[in-house]
C-alpha cells in the first residue's frame, strides 16, 4: 500500500507539472521572418527587404504594431491582426543600425526586433582649406562612412605621410578622419590624400593645401623702445652738462657788463 500511495502521488505531481507547462512555455509570442528572437539582418543599399511579423500560441486575434526606431509605422487595415508586414525599399546607407520592432497592441512587453546591418563601401567627402599663412594651425577634415569601418590613411603628394609627433595629429571617429598640422610651413604645400580601404575596395579624396609666406610685422614695440632709450640718453646728457652750460652763459653776461662800465 505504501508503494501504491507513493506511485499515486508521483502520478498526480506529474500531471500537475504538465498542466502548468502550457502556461510557462507556450505563451503568446512573436516571430519576424520565422525567427523568434531579436536578430540582425545583413543587407545592402538599393535592395528591398520585407519583414513579416506573426503571432504564435494565441487564443484570439491579436493586433500588431510596428515601430521604426521610436516612431510608429502606419499600417493599412488588413495588415494588423495576427500577421503584419513592412517593406523597406530601397534600403539606404542611413538605414544602417536602424531597428524595426513588432509589438502586441494589448501588451507592449511582448515584442521582437530586427536591426538592419547595411553593408556598404567607403564614402568620402570634404573641402579644401583656404590658403593659410605660415605658423598657422591647419586642419583637414575627411568625412567618411563605411560598414564595416574602413582602414584609413593620409598621403602627401602620392607618398605615405610620415607623422611627426610634434607637428601632426590625427583624430578619428566612425565618421571623421582628421589631420591637423601645427605651425604650418611653406614646405607643407601640396596635395593631401585621404585613403579608405575595405574588402579590396579603395576610395580616395584629395585636399589641396597652400601655405603662404607670412608678411614680417612692423616692429612697432622695438621702435618705441629704441625711441625711449634715445630720448632718455639725450635728456641725461643735457642734465649732465647743465652746470657747464649755465656757467658758460653766466660768464658771458658778466663779461658784457664789465665792458659797458
C-alpha atoms as a PDB file:
ATOM      1  CA  UNK A   1       0.000   0.000   0.000  1.00  0.00           C
ATOM      2  CA  UNK A   2       2.882   2.289   0.751  1.00  0.00           C
ATOM      3  CA  UNK A   3       4.272   1.619  -2.690  1.00  0.00           C
ATOM      4  CA  UNK A   4       0.885   2.273  -4.342  1.00  0.00           C
ATOM      5  CA  UNK A   5       0.467   5.508  -2.387  1.00  0.00           C
ATOM      6  CA  UNK A   6       3.846   6.808  -3.491  1.00  0.00           C
ATOM      7  CA  UNK A   7       3.064   5.912  -7.101  1.00  0.00           C
ATOM      8  CA  UNK A   8      -0.238   7.768  -6.924  1.00  0.00           C
ATOM      9  CA  UNK A   9       1.427  10.893  -5.533  1.00  0.00           C
ATOM     10  CA  UNK A  10       4.075  10.825  -8.308  1.00  0.00           C
ATOM     11  CA  UNK A  11       1.387  10.469 -10.980  1.00  0.00           C
ATOM     12  CA  UNK A  12      -0.616  13.383  -9.617  1.00  0.00           C
ATOM     13  CA  UNK A  13       2.564  15.535  -9.364  1.00  0.00           C
ATOM     14  CA  UNK A  14       3.483  14.689 -12.963  1.00  0.00           C
ATOM     15  CA  UNK A  15       0.015  15.631 -14.202  1.00  0.00           C
ATOM     16  CA  UNK A  16       0.205  18.902 -12.257  1.00  0.00           C
ATOM     17  CA  UNK A  17       3.582  19.783 -13.842  1.00  0.00           C
ATOM     18  CA  UNK A  18       2.325  19.077 -17.376  1.00  0.00           C
ATOM     19  CA  UNK A  19      -0.767  21.115 -16.656  1.00  0.00           C
ATOM     20  CA  UNK A  20       1.466  24.098 -15.898  1.00  0.00           C
ATOM     21  CA  UNK A  21       3.677  23.672 -18.979  1.00  0.00           C
ATOM     22  CA  UNK A  22       1.336  25.344 -21.500  1.00  0.00           C
ATOM     23  CA  UNK A  23       1.251  28.454 -19.318  1.00  0.00           C
ATOM     24  CA  UNK A  24       5.000  28.553 -18.788  1.00  0.00           C
ATOM     25  CA  UNK A  25       6.259  27.508 -22.196  1.00  0.00           C
ATOM     26  CA  UNK A  26       3.521  28.006 -24.730  1.00  0.00           C
ATOM     27  CA  UNK A  27       2.563  31.661 -24.009  1.00  0.00           C
ATOM     28  CA  UNK A  28       1.805  34.064 -26.849  1.00  0.00           C
ATOM     29  CA  UNK A  29       4.973  35.173 -28.611  1.00  0.00           C
ATOM     30  CA  UNK A  30       6.039  36.832 -31.859  1.00  0.00           C
ATOM     31  CA  UNK A  31       8.347  35.984 -34.714  1.00  0.00           C
ATOM     32  CA  UNK A  32       9.842  38.038 -37.570  1.00  0.00           C
ATOM     33  CA  UNK A  33      10.527  36.110 -40.752  1.00  0.00           C
ATOM     34  CA  UNK A  34      10.292  32.912 -38.707  1.00  0.00           C
ATOM     35  CA  UNK A  35      12.851  33.974 -36.096  1.00  0.00           C
ATOM     36  CA  UNK A  36      11.591  34.107 -32.515  1.00  0.00           C
ATOM     37  CA  UNK A  37      14.486  36.122 -31.033  1.00  0.00           C
ATOM     38  CA  UNK A  38      15.941  39.554 -31.802  1.00  0.00           C
ATOM     39  CA  UNK A  39      18.497  39.443 -34.611  1.00  0.00           C
ATOM     40  CA  UNK A  40      20.487  41.476 -37.158  1.00  0.00           C
ATOM     41  CA  UNK A  41      19.596  41.408 -40.838  1.00  0.00           C
ATOM     42  CA  UNK A  42      22.572  41.861 -43.177  1.00  0.00           C
ATOM     43  CA  UNK A  43      21.636  43.746 -46.328  1.00  0.00           C
ATOM     44  CA  UNK A  44      22.956  46.352 -48.772  1.00  0.00           C
ATOM     45  CA  UNK A  45      21.833  49.671 -50.276  1.00  0.00           C
ATOM     46  CA  UNK A  46      19.292  49.623 -53.084  1.00  0.00           C
ATOM     47  CA  UNK A  47      17.583  46.315 -52.331  1.00  0.00           C
ATOM     48  CA  UNK A  48      14.128  45.629 -50.871  1.00  0.00           C
ATOM     49  CA  UNK A  49      13.674  43.933 -47.509  1.00  0.00           C
ATOM     50  CA  UNK A  50      10.343  42.540 -46.305  1.00  0.00           C
ATOM     51  CA  UNK A  51       9.746  41.921 -42.602  1.00  0.00           C
ATOM     52  CA  UNK A  52       6.785  39.720 -41.634  1.00  0.00           C
ATOM     53  CA  UNK A  53       5.682  39.580 -38.004  1.00  0.00           C
ATOM     54  CA  UNK A  54       3.469  36.679 -36.911  1.00  0.00           C
ATOM     55  CA  UNK A  55       1.708  35.775 -33.653  1.00  0.00           C
ATOM     56  CA  UNK A  56       2.139  32.309 -32.163  1.00  0.00           C
ATOM     57  CA  UNK A  57       0.216  30.403 -29.473  1.00  0.00           C
ATOM     58  CA  UNK A  58      -2.553  32.985 -29.355  1.00  0.00           C
ATOM     59  CA  UNK A  59      -6.104  32.121 -28.399  1.00  0.00           C
ATOM     60  CA  UNK A  60      -7.642  35.176 -30.042  1.00  0.00           C
ATOM     61  CA  UNK A  61      -6.995  37.658 -32.810  1.00  0.00           C
ATOM     62  CA  UNK A  62      -4.061  39.862 -31.812  1.00  0.00           C
ATOM     63  CA  UNK A  63      -3.471  43.328 -33.221  1.00  0.00           C
ATOM     64  CA  UNK A  64       0.141  44.122 -34.039  1.00  0.00           C
ATOM     65  CA  UNK A  65       2.111  47.368 -34.063  1.00  0.00           C
ATOM     66  CA  UNK A  66       5.327  48.188 -35.946  1.00  0.00           C
ATOM     67  CA  UNK A  67       7.957  50.743 -34.895  1.00  0.00           C
ATOM     68  CA  UNK A  68      10.923  52.129 -36.846  1.00  0.00           C
ATOM     69  CA  UNK A  69      13.206  53.150 -34.016  1.00  0.00           C
ATOM     70  CA  UNK A  70      10.847  55.023 -31.681  1.00  0.00           C
ATOM     71  CA  UNK A  71       8.398  56.045 -34.420  1.00  0.00           C
ATOM     72  CA  UNK A  72       5.245  54.025 -35.013  1.00  0.00           C
ATOM     73  CA  UNK A  73       4.692  52.841 -38.586  1.00  0.00           C
ATOM     74  CA  UNK A  74       1.300  53.456 -40.199  1.00  0.00           C
ATOM     75  CA  UNK A  75      -0.292  50.156 -41.200  1.00  0.00           C
ATOM     76  CA  UNK A  76      -3.204  49.599 -43.546  1.00  0.00           C
ATOM     77  CA  UNK A  77      -6.322  47.729 -42.437  1.00  0.00           C
ATOM     78  CA  UNK A  78      -5.887  44.049 -43.092  1.00  0.00           C
ATOM     79  CA  UNK A  79      -2.207  44.275 -42.183  1.00  0.00           C
ATOM     80  CA  UNK A  80      -2.595  44.404 -38.423  1.00  0.00           C
ATOM     81  CA  UNK A  81      -4.161  41.210 -36.992  1.00  0.00           C
ATOM     82  CA  UNK A  82      -2.135  38.054 -36.292  1.00  0.00           C
ATOM     83  CA  UNK A  83       0.276  38.792 -39.144  1.00  0.00           C
ATOM     84  CA  UNK A  84       1.716  42.099 -40.302  1.00  0.00           C
ATOM     85  CA  UNK A  85       4.482  43.085 -42.708  1.00  0.00           C
ATOM     86  CA  UNK A  86       6.553  46.145 -43.547  1.00  0.00           C
ATOM     87  CA  UNK A  87       8.640  46.645 -46.683  1.00  0.00           C
ATOM     88  CA  UNK A  88      11.839  48.679 -46.717  1.00  0.00           C
ATOM     89  CA  UNK A  89      12.610  49.903 -50.235  1.00  0.00           C
ATOM     90  CA  UNK A  90      15.092  50.941 -51.190  1.00  0.00           C
ATOM     91  CA  UNK A  91      17.400  50.147 -48.322  1.00  0.00           C
ATOM     92  CA  UNK A  92      19.648  53.195 -47.797  1.00  0.00           C
ATOM     93  CA  UNK A  93      23.015  53.785 -46.150  1.00  0.00           C
ATOM     94  CA  UNK A  94      21.260  55.765 -43.417  1.00  0.00           C
ATOM     95  CA  UNK A  95      19.198  52.674 -42.538  1.00  0.00           C
ATOM     96  CA  UNK A  96      22.290  51.053 -41.067  1.00  0.00           C
ATOM     97  CA  UNK A  97      21.737  50.351 -37.365  1.00  0.00           C
ATOM     98  CA  UNK A  98      18.005  51.163 -37.519  1.00  0.00           C
ATOM     99  CA  UNK A  99      15.731  48.803 -35.577  1.00  0.00           C
ATOM    100  CA  UNK A 100      12.273  47.589 -36.615  1.00  0.00           C
ATOM    101  CA  UNK A 101      10.160  46.321 -33.718  1.00  0.00           C
ATOM    102  CA  UNK A 102       6.880  44.390 -33.769  1.00  0.00           C
ATOM    103  CA  UNK A 103       4.693  44.528 -30.626  1.00  0.00           C
ATOM    104  CA  UNK A 104       1.363  43.244 -29.383  1.00  0.00           C
ATOM    105  CA  UNK A 105      -1.082  46.160 -29.221  1.00  0.00           C
ATOM    106  CA  UNK A 106      -2.622  44.938 -25.951  1.00  0.00           C
ATOM    107  CA  UNK A 107       0.719  44.158 -24.286  1.00  0.00           C
ATOM    108  CA  UNK A 108       3.742  46.141 -25.409  1.00  0.00           C
ATOM    109  CA  UNK A 109       6.079  43.939 -23.395  1.00  0.00           C
ATOM    110  CA  UNK A 110       5.548  41.176 -25.957  1.00  0.00           C
ATOM    111  CA  UNK A 111       7.831  42.288 -28.768  1.00  0.00           C
ATOM    112  CA  UNK A 112      10.601  41.296 -31.152  1.00  0.00           C
ATOM    113  CA  UNK A 113      13.118  43.430 -33.045  1.00  0.00           C
ATOM    114  CA  UNK A 114      15.385  43.217 -36.063  1.00  0.00           C
ATOM    115  CA  UNK A 115      18.295  45.613 -36.635  1.00  0.00           C
ATOM    116  CA  UNK A 116      19.447  46.392 -40.167  1.00  0.00           C
ATOM    117  CA  UNK A 117      23.134  45.789 -40.818  1.00  0.00           C
ATOM    118  CA  UNK A 118      23.613  47.666 -44.097  1.00  0.00           C
ATOM    119  CA  UNK A 119      26.975  46.801 -45.674  1.00  0.00           C
ATOM    120  CA  UNK A 120      28.483  49.421 -47.995  1.00  0.00           C
ATOM    121  CA  UNK A 121      31.926  50.532 -49.264  1.00  0.00           C
ATOM    122  CA  UNK A 122      33.619  53.748 -48.089  1.00  0.00           C
ATOM    123  CA  UNK A 123      32.003  57.099 -48.920  1.00  0.00           C
ATOM    124  CA  UNK A 124      34.295  60.147 -48.551  1.00  0.00           C
ATOM    125  CA  UNK A 125      33.571  63.876 -48.523  1.00  0.00           C
ATOM    126  CA  UNK A 126      35.340  67.101 -47.562  1.00  0.00           C
ATOM    127  CA  UNK A 127      36.555  70.523 -48.726  1.00  0.00           C
ATOM    128  CA  UNK A 128      39.929  72.145 -49.402  1.00  0.00           C
ATOM    129  CA  UNK A 129      41.067  74.503 -46.626  1.00  0.00           C
ATOM    130  CA  UNK A 130      41.513  78.200 -47.512  1.00  0.00           C
ATOM    131  CA  UNK A 131      45.090  79.474 -48.086  1.00  0.00           C
ATOM    132  CA  UNK A 132      46.977  79.623 -44.807  1.00  0.00           C
ATOM    133  CA  UNK A 133      49.827  81.799 -43.539  1.00  0.00           C
ATOM    134  CA  UNK A 134      52.974  80.336 -42.061  1.00  0.00           C
ATOM    135  CA  UNK A 135      52.828  79.339 -38.390  1.00  0.00           C
ATOM    136  CA  UNK A 136      49.035  78.853 -38.515  1.00  0.00           C
ATOM    137  CA  UNK A 137      47.486  75.522 -37.478  1.00  0.00           C
ATOM    138  CA  UNK A 138      45.809  73.759 -40.425  1.00  0.00           C
ATOM    139  CA  UNK A 139      43.031  71.132 -40.198  1.00  0.00           C
ATOM    140  CA  UNK A 140      41.946  68.763 -42.977  1.00  0.00           C
ATOM    141  CA  UNK A 141      38.560  67.085 -42.348  1.00  0.00           C
ATOM    142  CA  UNK A 142      37.901  63.874 -44.274  1.00  0.00           C
ATOM    143  CA  UNK A 143      34.315  62.760 -43.607  1.00  0.00           C
ATOM    144  CA  UNK A 144      33.897  59.019 -44.063  1.00  0.00           C
ATOM    145  CA  UNK A 145      31.174  56.394 -43.894  1.00  0.00           C
ATOM    146  CA  UNK A 146      31.630  52.653 -44.289  1.00  0.00           C
ATOM    147  CA  UNK A 147      30.245  49.430 -42.867  1.00  0.00           C
ATOM    148  CA  UNK A 148      32.222  47.694 -41.580  1.00  0.00           C
ATOM    149  CA  UNK A 149      34.685  50.516 -40.744  1.00  0.00           C
ATOM    150  CA  UNK A 150      37.414  51.059 -43.339  1.00  0.00           C
ATOM    151  CA  UNK A 151      41.171  51.226 -42.844  1.00  0.00           C
ATOM    152  CA  UNK A 152      42.205  54.904 -43.096  1.00  0.00           C
ATOM    153  CA  UNK A 153      45.480  56.623 -44.037  1.00  0.00           C
ATOM    154  CA  UNK A 154      46.860  60.002 -45.158  1.00  0.00           C
ATOM    155  CA  UNK A 155      49.197  60.516 -48.136  1.00  0.00           C
ATOM    156  CA  UNK A 156      51.040  63.629 -49.286  1.00  0.00           C
ATOM    157  CA  UNK A 157      51.902  64.025 -52.980  1.00  0.00           C
ATOM    158  CA  UNK A 158      51.219  60.286 -53.543  1.00  0.00           C
ATOM    159  CA  UNK A 159      53.564  59.181 -50.737  1.00  0.00           C
ATOM    160  CA  UNK A 160      52.523  57.791 -47.371  1.00  0.00           C
ATOM    161  CA  UNK A 161      52.568  60.632 -44.848  1.00  0.00           C
ATOM    162  CA  UNK A 162      55.072  60.034 -42.082  1.00  0.00           C
ATOM    163  CA  UNK A 163      53.657  61.641 -38.979  1.00  0.00           C
ATOM    164  CA  UNK A 164      55.924  63.867 -36.914  1.00  0.00           C
ATOM    165  CA  UNK A 165      54.578  63.800 -33.364  1.00  0.00           C
ATOM    166  CA  UNK A 166      55.410  67.434 -32.725  1.00  0.00           C
ATOM    167  CA  UNK A 167      53.658  68.694 -35.886  1.00  0.00           C
ATOM    168  CA  UNK A 168      50.984  66.207 -36.981  1.00  0.00           C
ATOM    169  CA  UNK A 169      47.958  64.995 -35.063  1.00  0.00           C
ATOM    170  CA  UNK A 170      45.252  62.568 -36.224  1.00  0.00           C
ATOM    171  CA  UNK A 171      41.764  62.456 -34.724  1.00  0.00           C
ATOM    172  CA  UNK A 172      39.435  59.644 -35.820  1.00  0.00           C
ATOM    173  CA  UNK A 173      35.807  58.717 -35.164  1.00  0.00           C
ATOM    174  CA  UNK A 174      33.399  56.428 -37.018  1.00  0.00           C
ATOM    175  CA  UNK A 175      32.616  59.289 -39.449  1.00  0.00           C
ATOM    176  CA  UNK A 176      35.667  61.597 -39.345  1.00  0.00           C
ATOM    177  CA  UNK A 177      39.347  61.176 -40.203  1.00  0.00           C
ATOM    178  CA  UNK A 178      41.041  64.474 -39.335  1.00  0.00           C
ATOM    179  CA  UNK A 179      44.615  65.641 -39.882  1.00  0.00           C
ATOM    180  CA  UNK A 180      45.970  68.705 -38.052  1.00  0.00           C
ATOM    181  CA  UNK A 181      49.298  70.324 -38.974  1.00  0.00           C
ATOM    182  CA  UNK A 182      50.705  72.539 -36.227  1.00  0.00           C
ATOM    183  CA  UNK A 183      52.501  75.744 -37.250  1.00  0.00           C
ATOM    184  CA  UNK A 184      52.310  75.085 -40.970  1.00  0.00           C
ATOM    185  CA  UNK A 185      55.286  75.938 -43.173  1.00  0.00           C
ATOM    186  CA  UNK A 186      55.659  76.682 -46.878  1.00  0.00           C
ATOM    187  CA  UNK A 187      57.213  73.236 -47.226  1.00  0.00           C
ATOM    188  CA  UNK A 188      53.830  71.765 -46.184  1.00  0.00           C
ATOM    189  CA  UNK A 189      52.295  72.872 -49.506  1.00  0.00           C
ATOM    190  CA  UNK A 190      50.962  70.003 -51.563  1.00  0.00           C
ATOM    191  CA  UNK A 191      48.146  67.544 -52.194  1.00  0.00           C
ATOM    192  CA  UNK A 192      46.999  65.551 -49.162  1.00  0.00           C
ATOM    193  CA  UNK A 193      45.012  62.402 -49.943  1.00  0.00           C
ATOM    194  CA  UNK A 194      42.566  60.708 -47.571  1.00  0.00           C
ATOM    195  CA  UNK A 195      42.531  56.968 -48.371  1.00  0.00           C
ATOM    196  CA  UNK A 196      39.898  54.451 -47.187  1.00  0.00           C
ATOM    197  CA  UNK A 197      40.274  50.720 -47.839  1.00  0.00           C
ATOM    198  CA  UNK A 198      37.672  47.986 -47.247  1.00  0.00           C
ATOM    199  CA  UNK A 199      37.402  44.462 -48.652  1.00  0.00           C
ATOM    200  CA  UNK A 200      39.627  45.209 -51.625  1.00  0.00           C
ATOM    201  CA  UNK A 201      37.845  48.497 -52.425  1.00  0.00           C
ATOM    202  CA  UNK A 202      39.828  51.752 -52.110  1.00  0.00           C
ATOM    203  CA  UNK A 203      38.355  55.239 -52.135  1.00  0.00           C
ATOM    204  CA  UNK A 204      40.441  58.429 -52.242  1.00  0.00           C
ATOM    205  CA  UNK A 205      39.846  62.145 -51.778  1.00  0.00           C
ATOM    206  CA  UNK A 206      42.376  64.924 -52.394  1.00  0.00           C
ATOM    207  CA  UNK A 207      42.836  68.079 -50.320  1.00  0.00           C
ATOM    208  CA  UNK A 208      44.944  70.926 -51.759  1.00  0.00           C
ATOM    209  CA  UNK A 209      46.908  72.836 -49.122  1.00  0.00           C
ATOM    210  CA  UNK A 210      48.509  76.218 -49.822  1.00  0.00           C
ATOM    211  CA  UNK A 211      50.705  77.847 -47.170  1.00  0.00           C
ATOM    212  CA  UNK A 212      51.794  81.406 -47.962  1.00  0.00           C
ATOM    213  CA  UNK A 213      54.855  83.174 -46.630  1.00  0.00           C
ATOM    214  CA  UNK A 214      53.793  85.429 -43.806  1.00  0.00           C
ATOM    215  CA  UNK A 215      54.444  89.184 -44.037  1.00  0.00           C
ATOM    216  CA  UNK A 216      57.001  90.339 -41.467  1.00  0.00           C
ATOM    217  CA  UNK A 217      55.139  92.512 -38.958  1.00  0.00           C
ATOM    218  CA  UNK A 218      56.411  96.081 -38.411  1.00  0.00           C
ATOM    219  CA  UNK A 219      58.414  96.014 -35.141  1.00  0.00           C
ATOM    220  CA  UNK A 220      56.469  98.838 -33.514  1.00  0.00           C
ATOM    221  CA  UNK A 221      57.378  97.838 -29.986  1.00  0.00           C
ATOM    222  CA  UNK A 222      61.071  97.743 -30.819  1.00  0.00           C
ATOM    223  CA  UNK A 223      60.888 101.176 -32.476  1.00  0.00           C
ATOM    224  CA  UNK A 224      59.122 102.666 -29.452  1.00  0.00           C
ATOM    225  CA  UNK A 225      61.657 101.119 -27.085  1.00  0.00           C
ATOM    226  CA  UNK A 226      64.544 102.485 -29.137  1.00  0.00           C
ATOM    227  CA  UNK A 227      62.969 105.978 -29.229  1.00  0.00           C
ATOM    228  CA  UNK A 228      62.572 105.931 -25.452  1.00  0.00           C
ATOM    229  CA  UNK A 229      66.223 104.950 -24.993  1.00  0.00           C
ATOM    230  CA  UNK A 230      67.406 107.742 -27.330  1.00  0.00           C
ATOM    231  CA  UNK A 231      65.187 110.310 -25.570  1.00  0.00           C
ATOM    232  CA  UNK A 232      66.460 109.480 -22.110  1.00  0.00           C
ATOM    233  CA  UNK A 233      70.063 109.345 -23.337  1.00  0.00           C
ATOM    234  CA  UNK A 234      69.747 112.882 -24.690  1.00  0.00           C
ATOM    235  CA  UNK A 235      67.951 114.020 -21.524  1.00  0.00           C
ATOM    236  CA  UNK A 236      70.634 112.579 -19.249  1.00  0.00           C
ATOM    237  CA  UNK A 237      73.310 114.196 -21.422  1.00  0.00           C
ATOM    238  CA  UNK A 238      71.665 117.586 -21.117  1.00  0.00           C
ATOM    239  CA  UNK A 239      71.304 117.237 -17.346  1.00  0.00           C
ATOM    240  CA  UNK A 240      74.921 116.164 -17.005  1.00  0.00           C
ATOM    241  CA  UNK A 241      76.165 119.219 -18.924  1.00  0.00           C
ATOM    242  CA  UNK A 242      73.642 121.689 -17.483  1.00  0.00           C
ATOM    243  CA  UNK A 243      76.069 123.261 -14.969  1.00  0.00           C
ATOM    244  CA  UNK A 244      78.707 123.889 -17.589  1.00  0.00           C
ATOM    245  CA  UNK A 245      76.146 125.419 -19.912  1.00  0.00           C
ATOM    246  CA  UNK A 246      74.819 127.638 -17.107  1.00  0.00           C
ATOM    247  CA  UNK A 247      78.317 128.722 -16.087  1.00  0.00           C
ATOM    248  CA  UNK A 248      79.198 129.477 -19.679  1.00  0.00           C
ATOM    249  CA  UNK A 249      76.174 131.741 -20.056  1.00  0.00           C
ATOM    250  CA  UNK A 250      76.884 133.371 -16.719  1.00  0.00           C
ATOM    251  CA  UNK A 251      80.467 134.288 -17.625  1.00  0.00           C
ATOM    252  CA  UNK A 252      79.309 135.698 -20.902  1.00  0.00           C
ATOM    253  CA  UNK A 253      76.873 138.027 -19.143  1.00  0.00           C
ATOM    254  CA  UNK A 254      79.492 139.301 -16.622  1.00  0.00           C
ATOM    255  CA  UNK A 255      81.981 139.985 -19.329  1.00  0.00           C
ATOM    256  CA  UNK A 256      79.490 142.102 -21.256  1.00  0.00           C
ATOM    257  CA  UNK A 257      78.588 144.222 -18.201  1.00  0.00           C
ATOM    258  CA  UNK A 258      82.247 144.955 -17.431  1.00  0.00           C
ATOM    259  CA  UNK A 259      82.760 146.197 -20.950  1.00  0.00           C
ATOM    260  CA  UNK A 260      79.970 148.747 -20.639  1.00  0.00           C
ATOM    261  CA  UNK A 261      81.480 150.060 -17.389  1.00  0.00           C
END
